[in-house]
């Protein structure tokens, strides 16, 4: 499998261990997140979740059957003009992605808002 290597070898191992049916979707989502938030560092937390962060955690990636979910830890602060965020908790919101034809503009917007909200 070909992908842009992370600076974190544990992340590379995680990506290489993904099932063939979900890997292309995961990699497309990862590429979009990193393009929108190039300041992110990547780490694996809670055994099987890729987390994007700076000085704090911003987005958790959860792989499920046929989908990649992005949990925005401070999602309640995001303006959801794309109406793609789910959840009604006090903080987090989730974007579920099930197709390579996902809304990359919406994801870019959410990622950039997440980064702006840290300042």
PDB file of N, CA and C in Angstrom:
ATOM      1  N   UNK A   1       0.850  -1.171   0.000  1.00  0.00           N
ATOM      2  CA  UNK A   1       0.000   0.000   0.000  1.00  0.00           C
ATOM      3  C   UNK A   1       0.898   1.238   0.000  1.00  0.00           C
ATOM      4  N   UNK A   2       0.566   2.186  -0.861  1.00  0.00           N
ATOM      5  CA  UNK A   2       1.358   3.393  -0.995  1.00  0.00           C
ATOM      6  C   UNK A   2       0.667   4.544  -0.274  1.00  0.00           C
ATOM      7  N   UNK A   3       1.426   5.260   0.586  1.00  0.00           N
ATOM      8  CA  UNK A   3       0.873   6.421   1.269  1.00  0.00           C
ATOM      9  C   UNK A   3       1.995   7.306   1.767  1.00  0.00           C
ATOM     10  N   UNK A   4       1.665   8.555   2.032  1.00  0.00           N
ATOM     11  CA  UNK A   4       2.655   9.484   2.576  1.00  0.00           C
ATOM     12  C   UNK A   4       2.956   9.063   4.009  1.00  0.00           C
ATOM     13  N   UNK A   5       4.198   8.757   4.254  1.00  0.00           N
ATOM     14  CA  UNK A   5       4.603   8.264   5.568  1.00  0.00           C
ATOM     15  C   UNK A   5       4.462   9.348   6.630  1.00  0.00           C
ATOM     16  N   UNK A   6       4.069   8.928   7.797  1.00  0.00           N
ATOM     17  CA  UNK A   6       4.008   9.798   8.968  1.00  0.00           C
ATOM     18  C   UNK A   6       5.391   9.880   9.590  1.00  0.00           C
ATOM     19  N   UNK A   7       5.625  10.922  10.372  1.00  0.00           N
ATOM     20  CA  UNK A   7       6.868  11.021  11.148  1.00  0.00           C
ATOM     21  C   UNK A   7       6.865  10.013  12.288  1.00  0.00           C
ATOM     22  N   UNK A   8       5.695   9.483  12.590  1.00  0.00           N
ATOM     23  CA  UNK A   8       5.507   8.563  13.701  1.00  0.00           C
ATOM     24  C   UNK A   8       5.416   7.126  13.157  1.00  0.00           C
ATOM     25  N   UNK A   9       6.389   6.304  13.458  1.00  0.00           N
ATOM     26  CA  UNK A   9       6.403   4.926  12.951  1.00  0.00           C
ATOM     27  C   UNK A   9       5.211   4.105  13.409  1.00  0.00           C
ATOM     28  N   UNK A  10       4.685   4.394  14.576  1.00  0.00           N
ATOM     29  CA  UNK A  10       3.514   3.666  15.071  1.00  0.00           C
ATOM     30  C   UNK A  10       2.305   3.954  14.179  1.00  0.00           C
ATOM     31  N   UNK A  11       2.201   5.186  13.706  1.00  0.00           N
ATOM     32  CA  UNK A  11       1.127   5.549  12.777  1.00  0.00           C
ATOM     33  C   UNK A  11       1.306   4.786  11.465  1.00  0.00           C
ATOM     34  N   UNK A  12       2.529   4.714  10.963  1.00  0.00           N
ATOM     35  CA  UNK A  12       2.784   3.970   9.724  1.00  0.00           C
ATOM     36  C   UNK A  12       2.408   2.502   9.881  1.00  0.00           C
ATOM     37  N   UNK A  13       2.752   1.913  11.007  1.00  0.00           N
ATOM     38  CA  UNK A  13       2.387   0.513  11.274  1.00  0.00           C
ATOM     39  C   UNK A  13       0.874   0.349  11.304  1.00  0.00           C
ATOM     40  N   UNK A  14       0.189   1.296  11.942  1.00  0.00           N
ATOM     41  CA  UNK A  14      -1.278   1.258  12.013  1.00  0.00           C
ATOM     42  C   UNK A  14      -1.875   1.287  10.607  1.00  0.00           C
ATOM     43  N   UNK A  15      -1.412   2.217   9.781  1.00  0.00           N
ATOM     44  CA  UNK A  15      -1.945   2.351   8.424  1.00  0.00           C
ATOM     45  C   UNK A  15      -1.689   1.067   7.626  1.00  0.00           C
ATOM     46  N   UNK A  16      -0.504   0.527   7.742  1.00  0.00           N
ATOM     47  CA  UNK A  16      -0.167  -0.693   7.008  1.00  0.00           C
ATOM     48  C   UNK A  16      -0.998  -1.895   7.459  1.00  0.00           C
ATOM     49  N   UNK A  17      -1.545  -1.835   8.658  1.00  0.00           N
ATOM     50  CA  UNK A  17      -2.346  -2.951   9.166  1.00  0.00           C
ATOM     51  C   UNK A  17      -3.831  -2.844   8.799  1.00  0.00           C
ATOM     52  N   UNK A  18      -4.233  -1.750   8.173  1.00  0.00           N
ATOM     53  CA  UNK A  18      -5.637  -1.581   7.800  1.00  0.00           C
ATOM     54  C   UNK A  18      -6.063  -2.632   6.780  1.00  0.00           C
ATOM     55  N   UNK A  19      -7.294  -3.054   6.879  1.00  0.00           N
ATOM     56  CA  UNK A  19      -7.862  -4.011   5.920  1.00  0.00           C
ATOM     57  C   UNK A  19      -7.942  -3.363   4.540  1.00  0.00           C
ATOM     58  N   UNK A  20      -7.784  -4.174   3.505  1.00  0.00           N
ATOM     59  CA  UNK A  20      -7.783  -3.668   2.128  1.00  0.00           C
ATOM     60  C   UNK A  20      -9.080  -2.960   1.750  1.00  0.00           C
ATOM     61  N   UNK A  21     -10.204  -3.361   2.350  1.00  0.00           N
ATOM     62  CA  UNK A  21     -11.482  -2.756   1.972  1.00  0.00           C
ATOM     63  C   UNK A  21     -11.672  -1.349   2.554  1.00  0.00           C
ATOM     64  N   UNK A  22     -10.978  -0.996   3.616  1.00  0.00           N
ATOM     65  CA  UNK A  22     -11.149   0.323   4.232  1.00  0.00           C
ATOM     66  C   UNK A  22      -9.940   1.227   3.999  1.00  0.00           C
ATOM     67  N   UNK A  23      -8.799   0.682   3.675  1.00  0.00           N
ATOM     68  CA  UNK A  23      -7.563   1.466   3.535  1.00  0.00           C
ATOM     69  C   UNK A  23      -7.675   2.625   2.540  1.00  0.00           C
ATOM     70  N   UNK A  24      -8.239   2.428   1.341  1.00  0.00           N
ATOM     71  CA  UNK A  24      -8.311   3.563   0.406  1.00  0.00           C
ATOM     72  C   UNK A  24      -9.136   4.737   0.960  1.00  0.00           C
ATOM     73  N   UNK A  25     -10.231   4.436   1.632  1.00  0.00           N
ATOM     74  CA  UNK A  25     -11.060   5.501   2.217  1.00  0.00           C
ATOM     75  C   UNK A  25     -10.306   6.190   3.349  1.00  0.00           C
ATOM     76  N   UNK A  26      -9.684   5.407   4.208  1.00  0.00           N
ATOM     77  CA  UNK A  26      -8.916   5.966   5.313  1.00  0.00           C
ATOM     78  C   UNK A  26      -7.818   6.891   4.794  1.00  0.00           C
ATOM     79  N   UNK A  27      -7.083   6.446   3.789  1.00  0.00           N
ATOM     80  CA  UNK A  27      -5.985   7.236   3.244  1.00  0.00           C
ATOM     81  C   UNK A  27      -6.475   8.522   2.581  1.00  0.00           C
ATOM     82  N   UNK A  28      -7.615   8.467   1.918  1.00  0.00           N
ATOM     83  CA  UNK A  28      -8.179   9.677   1.308  1.00  0.00           C
ATOM     84  C   UNK A  28      -8.594  10.686   2.380  1.00  0.00           C
ATOM     85  N   UNK A  29      -9.191  10.198   3.451  1.00  0.00           N
ATOM     86  CA  UNK A  29      -9.579  11.075   4.553  1.00  0.00           C
ATOM     87  C   UNK A  29      -8.331  11.668   5.204  1.00  0.00           C
ATOM     88  N   UNK A  30      -7.350  10.832   5.476  1.00  0.00           N
ATOM     89  CA  UNK A  30      -6.101  11.295   6.096  1.00  0.00           C
ATOM     90  C   UNK A  30      -5.434  12.366   5.238  1.00  0.00           C
ATOM     91  N   UNK A  31      -5.370  12.127   3.943  1.00  0.00           N
ATOM     92  CA  UNK A  31      -4.759  13.091   3.031  1.00  0.00           C
ATOM     93  C   UNK A  31      -5.483  14.441   3.105  1.00  0.00           C
ATOM     94  N   UNK A  32      -6.797  14.420   3.148  1.00  0.00           N
ATOM     95  CA  UNK A  32      -7.578  15.664   3.235  1.00  0.00           C
ATOM     96  C   UNK A  32      -7.350  16.378   4.558  1.00  0.00           C
ATOM     97  N   UNK A  33      -7.311  15.627   5.649  1.00  0.00           N
ATOM     98  CA  UNK A  33      -7.089  16.234   6.963  1.00  0.00           C
ATOM     99  C   UNK A  33      -5.714  16.888   7.013  1.00  0.00           C
ATOM    100  N   UNK A  34      -4.696  16.182   6.553  1.00  0.00           N
ATOM    101  CA  UNK A  34      -3.334  16.717   6.613  1.00  0.00           C
ATOM    102  C   UNK A  34      -3.129  17.891   5.653  1.00  0.00           C
ATOM    103  N   UNK A  35      -3.845  17.901   4.526  1.00  0.00           N
ATOM    104  CA  UNK A  35      -3.755  19.035   3.602  1.00  0.00           C
ATOM    105  C   UNK A  35      -4.378  20.282   4.229  1.00  0.00           C
ATOM    106  N   UNK A  36      -5.470  20.099   4.952  1.00  0.00           N
ATOM    107  CA  UNK A  36      -6.156  21.227   5.579  1.00  0.00           C
ATOM    108  C   UNK A  36      -5.475  21.665   6.873  1.00  0.00           C
ATOM    109  N   UNK A  37      -4.804  20.732   7.527  1.00  0.00           N
ATOM    110  CA  UNK A  37      -4.151  21.031   8.799  1.00  0.00           C
ATOM    111  C   UNK A  37      -2.731  20.524   8.830  1.00  0.00           C
ATOM    112  N   UNK A  38      -1.838  21.112   8.018  1.00  0.00           N
ATOM    113  CA  UNK A  38      -0.470  20.589   7.941  1.00  0.00           C
ATOM    114  C   UNK A  38       0.324  20.709   9.244  1.00  0.00           C
ATOM    115  N   UNK A  39      -0.170  21.469  10.203  1.00  0.00           N
ATOM    116  CA  UNK A  39       0.541  21.599  11.487  1.00  0.00           C
ATOM    117  C   UNK A  39       0.262  20.423  12.423  1.00  0.00           C
ATOM    118  N   UNK A  40      -0.668  19.576  12.050  1.00  0.00           N
ATOM    119  CA  UNK A  40      -1.015  18.444  12.905  1.00  0.00           C
ATOM    120  C   UNK A  40       0.132  17.461  13.047  1.00  0.00           C
ATOM    121  N   UNK A  41       0.259  16.914  14.247  1.00  0.00           N
ATOM    122  CA  UNK A  41       1.069  15.726  14.428  1.00  0.00           C
ATOM    123  C   UNK A  41       0.088  14.573  14.529  1.00  0.00           C
ATOM    124  N   UNK A  42       0.548  13.367  14.235  1.00  0.00           N
ATOM    125  CA  UNK A  42      -0.315  12.193  14.266  1.00  0.00           C
ATOM    126  C   UNK A  42       0.194  11.237  15.335  1.00  0.00           C
ATOM    127  N   UNK A  43      -0.740  10.630  16.030  1.00  0.00           N
ATOM    128  CA  UNK A  43      -0.371   9.616  17.010  1.00  0.00           C
ATOM    129  C   UNK A  43      -1.486   8.577  17.074  1.00  0.00           C
ATOM    130  N   UNK A  44      -1.144   7.438  17.639  1.00  0.00           N
ATOM    131  CA  UNK A  44      -2.142   6.399  17.875  1.00  0.00           C
ATOM    132  C   UNK A  44      -2.456   6.409  19.356  1.00  0.00           C
ATOM    133  N   UNK A  45      -3.737   6.523  19.673  1.00  0.00           N
ATOM    134  CA  UNK A  45      -4.169   6.519  21.068  1.00  0.00           C
ATOM    135  C   UNK A  45      -5.297   5.510  21.223  1.00  0.00           C
ATOM    136  N   UNK A  46      -5.491   5.097  22.418  1.00  0.00           N
ATOM    137  CA  UNK A  46      -6.557   4.160  22.754  1.00  0.00           C
ATOM    138  C   UNK A  46      -6.476   2.907  21.877  1.00  0.00           C
ATOM    139  N   UNK A  47      -5.266   2.473  21.606  1.00  0.00           N
ATOM    140  CA  UNK A  47      -4.904   1.252  20.882  1.00  0.00           C
ATOM    141  C   UNK A  47      -5.173   1.272  19.383  1.00  0.00           C
ATOM    142  N   UNK A  48      -6.251   1.898  18.932  1.00  0.00           N
ATOM    143  CA  UNK A  48      -6.571   1.770  17.512  1.00  0.00           C
ATOM    144  C   UNK A  48      -7.188   3.018  16.891  1.00  0.00           C
ATOM    145  N   UNK A  49      -6.866   4.175  17.419  1.00  0.00           N
ATOM    146  CA  UNK A  49      -7.416   5.405  16.869  1.00  0.00           C
ATOM    147  C   UNK A  49      -6.286   6.359  16.495  1.00  0.00           C
ATOM    148  N   UNK A  50      -6.294   6.818  15.259  1.00  0.00           N
ATOM    149  CA  UNK A  50      -5.336   7.830  14.860  1.00  0.00           C
ATOM    150  C   UNK A  50      -5.883   9.173  15.338  1.00  0.00           C
ATOM    151  N   UNK A  51      -5.033   9.941  16.005  1.00  0.00           N
ATOM    152  CA  UNK A  51      -5.441  11.228  16.546  1.00  0.00           C
ATOM    153  C   UNK A  51      -4.557  12.310  15.943  1.00  0.00           C
ATOM    154  N   UNK A  52      -5.215  13.387  15.500  1.00  0.00           N
ATOM    155  CA  UNK A  52      -4.517  14.557  14.981  1.00  0.00           C
ATOM    156  C   UNK A  52      -4.502  15.597  16.085  1.00  0.00           C
ATOM    157  N   UNK A  53      -3.328  16.181  16.326  1.00  0.00           N
ATOM    158  CA  UNK A  53      -3.240  17.166  17.380  1.00  0.00           C
ATOM    159  C   UNK A  53      -2.169  18.195  17.142  1.00  0.00           C
ATOM    160  N   UNK A  54      -2.165  19.185  18.013  1.00  0.00           N
ATOM    161  CA  UNK A  54      -1.090  20.176  18.084  1.00  0.00           C
ATOM    162  C   UNK A  54      -0.611  20.095  19.530  1.00  0.00           C
ATOM    163  N   UNK A  55      -0.890  21.100  20.315  1.00  0.00           N
ATOM    164  CA  UNK A  55      -0.583  21.008  21.743  1.00  0.00           C
ATOM    165  C   UNK A  55      -1.710  20.302  22.485  1.00  0.00           C
ATOM    166  N   UNK A  56      -2.794  20.012  21.783  1.00  0.00           N
ATOM    167  CA  UNK A  56      -3.917  19.251  22.337  1.00  0.00           C
ATOM    168  C   UNK A  56      -4.496  18.370  21.232  1.00  0.00           C
ATOM    169  N   UNK A  57      -5.311  17.424  21.604  1.00  0.00           N
ATOM    170  CA  UNK A  57      -5.985  16.566  20.634  1.00  0.00           C
ATOM    171  C   UNK A  57      -7.116  17.335  19.969  1.00  0.00           C
ATOM    172  N   UNK A  58      -7.211  17.219  18.639  1.00  0.00           N
ATOM    173  CA  UNK A  58      -8.267  17.906  17.891  1.00  0.00           C
ATOM    174  C   UNK A  58      -9.275  16.943  17.276  1.00  0.00           C
ATOM    175  N   UNK A  59      -8.743  15.901  16.603  1.00  0.00           N
ATOM    176  CA  UNK A  59      -9.608  14.994  15.844  1.00  0.00           C
ATOM    177  C   UNK A  59      -9.170  13.556  16.085  1.00  0.00           C
ATOM    178  N   UNK A  60     -10.131  12.707  16.363  1.00  0.00           N
ATOM    179  CA  UNK A  60      -9.882  11.280  16.520  1.00  0.00           C
ATOM    180  C   UNK A  60     -10.488  10.561  15.321  1.00  0.00           C
ATOM    181  N   UNK A  61      -9.749   9.641  14.734  1.00  0.00           N
ATOM    182  CA  UNK A  61     -10.228   8.863  13.602  1.00  0.00           C
ATOM    183  C   UNK A  61     -10.585   7.459  14.078  1.00  0.00           C
ATOM    184  N   UNK A  62     -11.801   7.048  13.788  1.00  0.00           N
ATOM    185  CA  UNK A  62     -12.259   5.722  14.170  1.00  0.00           C
ATOM    186  C   UNK A  62     -12.673   4.982  12.896  1.00  0.00           C
ATOM    187  N   UNK A  63     -12.099   3.811  12.689  1.00  0.00           N
ATOM    188  CA  UNK A  63     -12.413   3.002  11.517  1.00  0.00           C
ATOM    189  C   UNK A  63     -13.473   1.986  11.903  1.00  0.00           C
ATOM    190  N   UNK A  64     -14.545   1.949  11.108  1.00  0.00           N
ATOM    191  CA  UNK A  64     -15.610   0.975  11.332  1.00  0.00           C
ATOM    192  C   UNK A  64     -15.868   0.215  10.044  1.00  0.00           C
ATOM    193  N   UNK A  65     -16.840  -0.635  10.078  1.00  0.00           N
ATOM    194  CA  UNK A  65     -17.165  -1.432   8.897  1.00  0.00           C
ATOM    195  C   UNK A  65     -17.696  -0.511   7.791  1.00  0.00           C
ATOM    196  N   UNK A  66     -16.877  -0.308   6.770  1.00  0.00           N
ATOM    197  CA  UNK A  66     -17.283   0.502   5.635  1.00  0.00           C
ATOM    198  C   UNK A  66     -17.311   1.995   5.870  1.00  0.00           C
ATOM    199  N   UNK A  67     -16.712   2.454   6.968  1.00  0.00           N
ATOM    200  CA  UNK A  67     -16.739   3.896   7.225  1.00  0.00           C
ATOM    201  C   UNK A  67     -15.534   4.337   8.040  1.00  0.00           C
ATOM    202  N   UNK A  68     -15.242   5.619   7.909  1.00  0.00           N
ATOM    203  CA  UNK A  68     -14.253   6.283   8.743  1.00  0.00           C
ATOM    204  C   UNK A  68     -14.987   7.428   9.422  1.00  0.00           C
ATOM    205  N   UNK A  69     -14.921   7.445  10.741  1.00  0.00           N
ATOM    206  CA  UNK A  69     -15.561   8.509  11.501  1.00  0.00           C
ATOM    207  C   UNK A  69     -14.503   9.437  12.055  1.00  0.00           C
ATOM    208  N   UNK A  70     -14.747  10.720  11.929  1.00  0.00           N
ATOM    209  CA  UNK A  70     -13.863  11.725  12.497  1.00  0.00           C
ATOM    210  C   UNK A  70     -14.590  12.374  13.663  1.00  0.00           C
ATOM    211  N   UNK A  71     -14.012  12.260  14.826  1.00  0.00           N
ATOM    212  CA  UNK A  71     -14.596  12.863  16.021  1.00  0.00           C
ATOM    213  C   UNK A  71     -13.837  14.151  16.303  1.00  0.00           C
ATOM    214  N   UNK A  72     -14.522  15.256  16.191  1.00  0.00           N
ATOM    215  CA  UNK A  72     -13.944  16.561  16.493  1.00  0.00           C
ATOM    216  C   UNK A  72     -14.180  16.805  17.978  1.00  0.00           C
ATOM    217  N   UNK A  73     -13.091  16.806  18.746  1.00  0.00           N
ATOM    218  CA  UNK A  73     -13.206  16.883  20.197  1.00  0.00           C
ATOM    219  C   UNK A  73     -13.937  18.124  20.668  1.00  0.00           C
ATOM    220  N   UNK A  74     -13.754  19.259  19.982  1.00  0.00           N
ATOM    221  CA  UNK A  74     -14.460  20.488  20.334  1.00  0.00           C
ATOM    222  C   UNK A  74     -15.442  20.843  19.216  1.00  0.00           C
ATOM    223  N   UNK A  75     -16.126  19.833  18.727  1.00  0.00           N
ATOM    224  CA  UNK A  75     -17.029  19.987  17.594  1.00  0.00           C
ATOM    225  C   UNK A  75     -18.186  20.925  17.824  1.00  0.00           C
ATOM    226  N   UNK A  76     -18.581  21.098  19.070  1.00  0.00           N
ATOM    227  CA  UNK A  76     -19.697  21.989  19.368  1.00  0.00           C
ATOM    228  C   UNK A  76     -19.373  23.428  18.961  1.00  0.00           C
ATOM    229  N   UNK A  77     -18.094  23.768  18.881  1.00  0.00           N
ATOM    230  CA  UNK A  77     -17.709  25.134  18.512  1.00  0.00           C
ATOM    231  C   UNK A  77     -17.649  25.344  16.995  1.00  0.00           C
ATOM    232  N   UNK A  78     -17.813  24.277  16.212  1.00  0.00           N
ATOM    233  CA  UNK A  78     -17.738  24.387  14.759  1.00  0.00           C
ATOM    234  C   UNK A  78     -19.052  24.875  14.166  1.00  0.00           C
ATOM    235  N   UNK A  79     -18.947  25.741  13.181  1.00  0.00           N
ATOM    236  CA  UNK A  79     -20.134  26.153  12.427  1.00  0.00           C
ATOM    237  C   UNK A  79     -20.371  25.069  11.387  1.00  0.00           C
ATOM    238  N   UNK A  80     -21.534  24.455  11.430  1.00  0.00           N
ATOM    239  CA  UNK A  80     -21.827  23.300  10.583  1.00  0.00           C
ATOM    240  C   UNK A  80     -22.685  23.693   9.385  1.00  0.00           C
ATOM    241  N   UNK A  81     -22.154  24.561   8.529  1.00  0.00           N
ATOM    242  CA  UNK A  81     -22.921  25.003   7.367  1.00  0.00           C
ATOM    243  C   UNK A  81     -23.137  23.889   6.344  1.00  0.00           C
ATOM    244  N   UNK A  82     -22.405  22.799   6.465  1.00  0.00           N
ATOM    245  CA  UNK A  82     -22.541  21.660   5.547  1.00  0.00           C
ATOM    246  C   UNK A  82     -23.528  20.614   6.070  1.00  0.00           C
ATOM    247  N   UNK A  83     -23.943  20.763   7.315  1.00  0.00           N
ATOM    248  CA  UNK A  83     -24.896  19.851   7.965  1.00  0.00           C
ATOM    249  C   UNK A  83     -24.435  18.392   7.921  1.00  0.00           C
ATOM    250  N   UNK A  84     -23.141  18.179   8.192  1.00  0.00           N
ATOM    251  CA  UNK A  84     -22.597  16.828   8.172  1.00  0.00           C
ATOM    252  C   UNK A  84     -22.137  16.338   9.537  1.00  0.00           C
ATOM    253  N   UNK A  85     -22.205  17.187  10.538  1.00  0.00           N
ATOM    254  CA  UNK A  85     -21.756  16.788  11.869  1.00  0.00           C
ATOM    255  C   UNK A  85     -22.919  16.197  12.653  1.00  0.00           C
ATOM    256  N   UNK A  86     -22.618  15.124  13.374  1.00  0.00           N
ATOM    257  CA  UNK A  86     -23.620  14.428  14.175  1.00  0.00           C
ATOM    258  C   UNK A  86     -23.237  14.504  15.640  1.00  0.00           C
ATOM    259  N   UNK A  87     -24.236  14.368  16.482  1.00  0.00           N
ATOM    260  CA  UNK A  87     -24.005  14.303  17.913  1.00  0.00           C
ATOM    261  C   UNK A  87     -24.677  15.447  18.643  1.00  0.00           C
ATOM    262  N   UNK A  88     -24.998  15.178  19.892  1.00  0.00           N
ATOM    263  CA  UNK A  88     -25.652  16.208  20.699  1.00  0.00           C
ATOM    264  C   UNK A  88     -25.049  16.291  22.097  1.00  0.00           C
ATOM    265  N   UNK A  89     -23.820  15.800  22.221  1.00  0.00           N
ATOM    266  CA  UNK A  89     -23.133  15.882  23.502  1.00  0.00           C
ATOM    267  C   UNK A  89     -22.689  17.310  23.795  1.00  0.00           C
ATOM    268  N   UNK A  90     -22.051  17.490  24.930  1.00  0.00           N
ATOM    269  CA  UNK A  90     -21.656  18.833  25.337  1.00  0.00           C
ATOM    270  C   UNK A  90     -20.429  19.348  24.597  1.00  0.00           C
ATOM    271  N   UNK A  91     -19.640  18.491  23.945  1.00  0.00           N
ATOM    272  CA  UNK A  91     -18.409  18.934  23.281  1.00  0.00           C
ATOM    273  C   UNK A  91     -18.205  18.364  21.873  1.00  0.00           C
ATOM    274  N   UNK A  92     -18.139  17.059  21.743  1.00  0.00           N
ATOM    275  CA  UNK A  92     -17.715  16.409  20.496  1.00  0.00           C
ATOM    276  C   UNK A  92     -18.822  16.378  19.441  1.00  0.00           C
ATOM    277  N   UNK A  93     -18.375  16.358  18.185  1.00  0.00           N
ATOM    278  CA  UNK A  93     -19.249  16.134  17.041  1.00  0.00           C
ATOM    279  C   UNK A  93     -18.517  15.182  16.094  1.00  0.00           C
ATOM    280  N   UNK A  94     -19.283  14.408  15.336  1.00  0.00           N
ATOM    281  CA  UNK A  94     -18.716  13.366  14.481  1.00  0.00           C
ATOM    282  C   UNK A  94     -19.130  13.564  13.030  1.00  0.00           C
ATOM    283  N   UNK A  95     -18.168  13.378  12.140  1.00  0.00           N
ATOM    284  CA  UNK A  95     -18.424  13.334  10.700  1.00  0.00           C
ATOM    285  C   UNK A  95     -18.145  11.906  10.251  1.00  0.00           C
ATOM    286  N   UNK A  96     -19.152  11.258   9.680  1.00  0.00           N
ATOM    287  CA  UNK A  96     -18.990   9.884   9.203  1.00  0.00           C
ATOM    288  C   UNK A  96     -18.798   9.901   7.688  1.00  0.00           C
ATOM    289  N   UNK A  97     -17.776   9.182   7.233  1.00  0.00           N
ATOM    290  CA  UNK A  97     -17.444   9.158   5.809  1.00  0.00           C
ATOM    291  C   UNK A  97     -17.511   7.717   5.334  1.00  0.00           C
ATOM    292  N   UNK A  98     -18.331   7.476   4.303  1.00  0.00           N
ATOM    293  CA  UNK A  98     -18.564   6.113   3.829  1.00  0.00           C
ATOM    294  C   UNK A  98     -18.172   5.898   2.372  1.00  0.00           C
ATOM    295  N   UNK A  99     -17.730   6.964   1.704  1.00  0.00           N
ATOM    296  CA  UNK A  99     -17.441   6.860   0.278  1.00  0.00           C
ATOM    297  C   UNK A  99     -16.236   7.731  -0.078  1.00  0.00           C
ATOM    298  N   UNK A 100     -15.499   7.309  -1.088  1.00  0.00           N
ATOM    299  CA  UNK A 100     -14.387   8.121  -1.586  1.00  0.00           C
ATOM    300  C   UNK A 100     -14.880   9.433  -2.189  1.00  0.00           C
ATOM    301  N   UNK A 101     -16.162   9.510  -2.433  1.00  0.00           N
ATOM    302  CA  UNK A 101     -16.781  10.708  -2.992  1.00  0.00           C
ATOM    303  C   UNK A 101     -17.310  11.606  -1.864  1.00  0.00           C
ATOM    304  N   UNK A 102     -16.569  11.691  -0.750  1.00  0.00           N
ATOM    305  CA  UNK A 102     -17.027  12.494   0.388  1.00  0.00           C
ATOM    306  C   UNK A 102     -16.795  13.986   0.129  1.00  0.00           C
ATOM    307  N   UNK A 103     -17.429  14.805   0.922  1.00  0.00           N
ATOM    308  CA  UNK A 103     -17.353  16.252   0.770  1.00  0.00           C
ATOM    309  C   UNK A 103     -16.028  16.768   1.347  1.00  0.00           C
ATOM    310  N   UNK A 104     -15.030  16.859   0.488  1.00  0.00           N
ATOM    311  CA  UNK A 104     -13.696  17.302   0.911  1.00  0.00           C
ATOM    312  C   UNK A 104     -13.698  18.770   1.340  1.00  0.00           C
ATOM    313  N   UNK A 105     -14.546  19.579   0.705  1.00  0.00           N
ATOM    314  CA  UNK A 105     -14.635  20.993   1.096  1.00  0.00           C
ATOM    315  C   UNK A 105     -15.160  21.129   2.522  1.00  0.00           C
ATOM    316  N   UNK A 106     -16.144  20.325   2.861  1.00  0.00           N
ATOM    317  CA  UNK A 106     -16.684  20.362   4.225  1.00  0.00           C
ATOM    318  C   UNK A 106     -15.618  19.924   5.223  1.00  0.00           C
ATOM    319  N   UNK A 107     -14.914  18.840   4.916  1.00  0.00           N
ATOM    320  CA  UNK A 107     -13.876  18.357   5.827  1.00  0.00           C
ATOM    321  C   UNK A 107     -12.787  19.414   6.005  1.00  0.00           C
ATOM    322  N   UNK A 108     -12.364  20.031   4.915  1.00  0.00           N
ATOM    323  CA  UNK A 108     -11.362  21.099   5.002  1.00  0.00           C
ATOM    324  C   UNK A 108     -11.861  22.228   5.894  1.00  0.00           C
ATOM    325  N   UNK A 109     -13.100  22.615   5.716  1.00  0.00           N
ATOM    326  CA  UNK A 109     -13.692  23.678   6.531  1.00  0.00           C
ATOM    327  C   UNK A 109     -13.677  23.303   8.013  1.00  0.00           C
ATOM    328  N   UNK A 110     -14.113  22.116   8.352  1.00  0.00           N
ATOM    329  CA  UNK A 110     -14.147  21.688   9.758  1.00  0.00           C
ATOM    330  C   UNK A 110     -12.743  21.654  10.362  1.00  0.00           C
ATOM    331  N   UNK A 111     -11.776  21.122   9.597  1.00  0.00           N
ATOM    332  CA  UNK A 111     -10.399  21.040  10.095  1.00  0.00           C
ATOM    333  C   UNK A 111      -9.848  22.453  10.338  1.00  0.00           C
ATOM    334  N   UNK A 112     -10.066  23.342   9.386  1.00  0.00           N
ATOM    335  CA  UNK A 112      -9.535  24.697   9.541  1.00  0.00           C
ATOM    336  C   UNK A 112     -10.210  25.441  10.694  1.00  0.00           C
ATOM    337  N   UNK A 113     -11.494  25.210  10.870  1.00  0.00           N
ATOM    338  CA  UNK A 113     -12.180  25.809  12.027  1.00  0.00           C
ATOM    339  C   UNK A 113     -11.620  25.275  13.331  1.00  0.00           C
ATOM    340  N   UNK A 114     -11.357  23.974  13.349  1.00  0.00           N
ATOM    341  CA  UNK A 114     -10.800  23.344  14.554  1.00  0.00           C
ATOM    342  C   UNK A 114      -9.476  24.003  14.927  1.00  0.00           C
ATOM    343  N   UNK A 115      -8.648  24.240  13.943  1.00  0.00           N
ATOM    344  CA  UNK A 115      -7.350  24.862  14.212  1.00  0.00           C
ATOM    345  C   UNK A 115      -7.500  26.319  14.649  1.00  0.00           C
ATOM    346  N   UNK A 116      -8.415  27.049  14.053  1.00  0.00           N
ATOM    347  CA  UNK A 116      -8.638  28.449  14.424  1.00  0.00           C
ATOM    348  C   UNK A 116      -9.144  28.562  15.855  1.00  0.00           C
ATOM    349  N   UNK A 117      -9.922  27.585  16.279  1.00  0.00           N
ATOM    350  CA  UNK A 117     -10.513  27.624  17.618  1.00  0.00           C
ATOM    351  C   UNK A 117      -9.497  27.378  18.734  1.00  0.00           C
ATOM    352  N   UNK A 118      -8.273  27.015  18.366  1.00  0.00           N
ATOM    353  CA  UNK A 118      -7.258  26.758  19.392  1.00  0.00           C
ATOM    354  C   UNK A 118      -6.486  28.011  19.754  1.00  0.00           C
ATOM    355  N   UNK A 119      -6.669  29.052  19.011  1.00  0.00           N
ATOM    356  CA  UNK A 119      -5.894  30.279  19.257  1.00  0.00           C
ATOM    357  C   UNK A 119      -6.537  31.146  20.301  1.00  0.00           C
TER     358      UNK A 119
END
